[in-house]
Protein backbone atom coordinates (compact mmCIF):
# COMPACT_ATOMS: atom_id res chain seq x y z
CA MET A 1 13.75 18.28 -2.69
CA ASP A 2 14.29 15.94 -6.19
CA SER A 3 15.17 12.90 -4.16
CA ALA A 4 11.70 13.07 -2.11
CA ASN A 5 8.46 11.60 -3.54
CA SER A 6 5.64 13.49 -4.04
CA ALA A 7 2.24 13.46 -2.34
CA ALA A 8 0.91 11.48 -5.57
CA VAL A 9 3.63 8.93 -5.57
CA LEU A 10 3.14 8.26 -1.73
CA VAL A 11 -0.70 8.11 -2.07
CA ALA A 12 -0.42 6.06 -5.12
CA HIS A 13 1.99 3.62 -3.52
CA ALA A 14 0.19 3.51 0.03
CA ILE A 15 -2.99 2.13 -1.76
CA SER A 16 -1.29 -0.39 -4.29
CA ALA A 17 1.01 -1.80 -1.10
CA THR A 18 -2.01 -1.96 1.06
CA ARG A 19 -4.01 -3.68 -1.68
CA PHE A 20 -1.34 -6.47 -2.05
CA PHE A 21 -0.99 -6.79 1.66
CA LEU A 22 -5.02 -7.21 2.22
CA ARG A 23 -5.26 -9.74 -0.41
CA ALA A 24 -2.41 -11.71 0.92
CA GLY A 25 -3.94 -11.71 4.67
CA SER A 26 -7.24 -12.21 2.94
CA GLY A 27 -6.06 -15.35 0.96
CA TYR A 28 -4.99 -14.14 -1.90
CA VAL A 29 -1.28 -14.14 -2.16
CA GLY A 30 0.28 -13.00 -5.18
CA SER A 31 3.69 -12.61 -6.27
CA ILE A 32 5.86 -10.09 -4.23
CA THR A 33 8.28 -10.14 -7.00
CA GLU A 34 5.72 -9.38 -9.50
CA TYR A 35 4.08 -6.50 -7.29
CA ARG A 36 7.22 -5.03 -7.04
CA ALA A 37 8.02 -4.80 -10.71
CA GLY A 38 4.43 -3.89 -11.70
CA GLU A 39 1.87 -2.05 -9.57
CA ARG A 40 4.51 -1.05 -6.86
CA ALA A 41 7.02 0.36 -9.69
CA ASP A 42 3.41 2.02 -11.56
CA ALA A 43 2.95 3.71 -8.43
CA PHE A 44 6.31 5.64 -8.40
CA ARG A 45 5.31 7.01 -11.87
CA THR A 46 2.27 9.77 -11.33
CA ALA A 47 3.28 12.61 -13.62
CA GLY A 48 0.24 14.23 -14.61
CA VAL A 49 -2.11 12.92 -11.37
CA THR A 50 -4.19 15.45 -10.28
CA LYS A 51 -5.84 16.18 -6.68
CA ASP A 52 -9.05 14.65 -8.49
CA ASP A 53 -7.52 11.58 -9.71
CA LEU A 54 -6.02 11.07 -5.83
CA LEU A 55 -9.14 11.75 -4.35
CA ASP A 56 -10.92 9.08 -6.60
CA LEU A 57 -8.21 6.54 -6.25
CA ILE A 58 -8.88 6.95 -2.57
CA ASP A 59 -12.62 6.63 -2.88
CA ARG A 60 -12.25 3.73 -4.83
CA PHE A 61 -9.83 1.77 -2.80
CA VAL A 62 -12.43 2.00 -0.01
CA ASP A 63 -14.70 -0.23 -1.24
CA GLU A 64 -12.24 -2.54 -2.83
CA ALA A 65 -10.67 -2.80 0.50
CA ALA A 66 -13.85 -3.62 1.94
CA ALA A 67 -14.35 -6.11 -0.72
CA ILE A 68 -11.21 -7.89 -0.29
CA LEU A 69 -11.43 -8.22 3.29
CA ALA A 70 -14.98 -9.51 2.92
CA GLU A 71 -13.27 -12.36 1.20
CA GLY A 72 -11.11 -13.39 4.25
CA THR A 73 -11.80 -16.28 6.41
CA PRO A 74 -10.65 -17.28 10.16
CA GLU A 75 -8.31 -19.56 8.20
CA HIS A 76 -6.76 -17.43 6.41
CA ILE A 77 -5.98 -15.03 9.73
CA GLU A 78 -4.81 -18.01 11.17
CA GLY A 79 -2.83 -19.28 8.53
CA GLN A 80 0.60 -18.70 7.51
CA VAL A 81 1.35 -16.42 4.70
CA GLU A 82 4.02 -17.24 2.34
CA MET A 83 5.31 -14.80 -0.11
CA PRO A 84 8.07 -16.64 -2.08
CA THR A 85 10.53 -13.79 -3.99
CA THR A 86 13.23 -13.93 -6.77
CA ASP A 87 14.37 -10.63 -6.26
CA ASN A 88 16.59 -11.52 -2.92
CA LEU A 89 14.77 -8.76 -0.86
CA PRO A 90 13.44 -10.15 2.38
CA VAL A 91 9.68 -11.11 2.73
CA PRO A 92 9.20 -11.47 6.83
CA ALA A 93 7.12 -14.50 7.96
CA ARG A 94 3.74 -13.60 8.88
CA ASN A 95 0.43 -15.40 9.45
CA GLY A 96 -2.78 -13.78 7.96
CA ALA A 97 -3.30 -11.50 11.01
CA GLY A 98 0.25 -10.18 11.00
CA THR A 99 -0.04 -9.63 7.22
CA LEU A 100 -3.06 -7.55 7.83
CA MET A 101 -1.29 -5.58 10.52
CA ALA A 102 1.52 -5.00 8.29
CA ALA A 103 -0.87 -3.14 5.81
CA VAL A 104 -2.34 -1.12 7.90
CA GLY A 105 0.80 -0.17 9.62
CA HIS A 106 2.50 0.54 5.84
CA LEU A 107 -0.59 2.66 5.26
CA ARG A 108 -0.36 4.67 8.39
CA GLU A 109 3.45 5.05 8.13
CA HIS A 110 2.99 6.97 4.42
CA VAL A 111 -0.26 8.76 5.53
CA GLY A 112 2.29 10.20 8.34
CA HIS A 113 4.67 11.25 5.60
CA VAL A 114 2.06 12.84 3.65
CA GLN A 115 0.74 14.98 6.81
CA LEU A 116 4.55 16.02 7.41
CA MET A 117 4.63 17.22 4.04
CA HIS A 118 1.45 19.14 4.46
CA ASP A 119 2.69 20.80 7.68
CA LEU A 120 6.14 21.36 6.22
CA TRP A 121 4.48 23.21 3.03
CA LEU A 122 2.11 25.39 5.30
CA ALA A 123 4.95 26.43 7.61
CA GLU A 124 6.66 27.99 4.31
CA ASN A 125 3.17 29.20 2.80
CA PRO A 126 1.39 30.54 5.65
């Protein structure tokens, strides 16, 4: 299906979004507008990315995620996370804990998409 994202896009996007929201929930709130225009947009351009590239990306992100979370404090968990935006897309108000939970929920959503794609592929290629 031409309009569907590939598994590579879903993996790259899930990692970039998780990184952004883990940082925001751990005290480093970047510009969501810049994220959407830069790192997020880049994640949707995965031409030439191999399985090994994706596995390496995942492996590196595991360590990076742990380092990001280690920077968080109880104040970050309890404090409000403000993500001003200039692109008029809504950004829900959340505290640090809610932002970290949003990161996990968003990641899980895309993991489910990839699992479904895998199951559909297996159904067509027994």
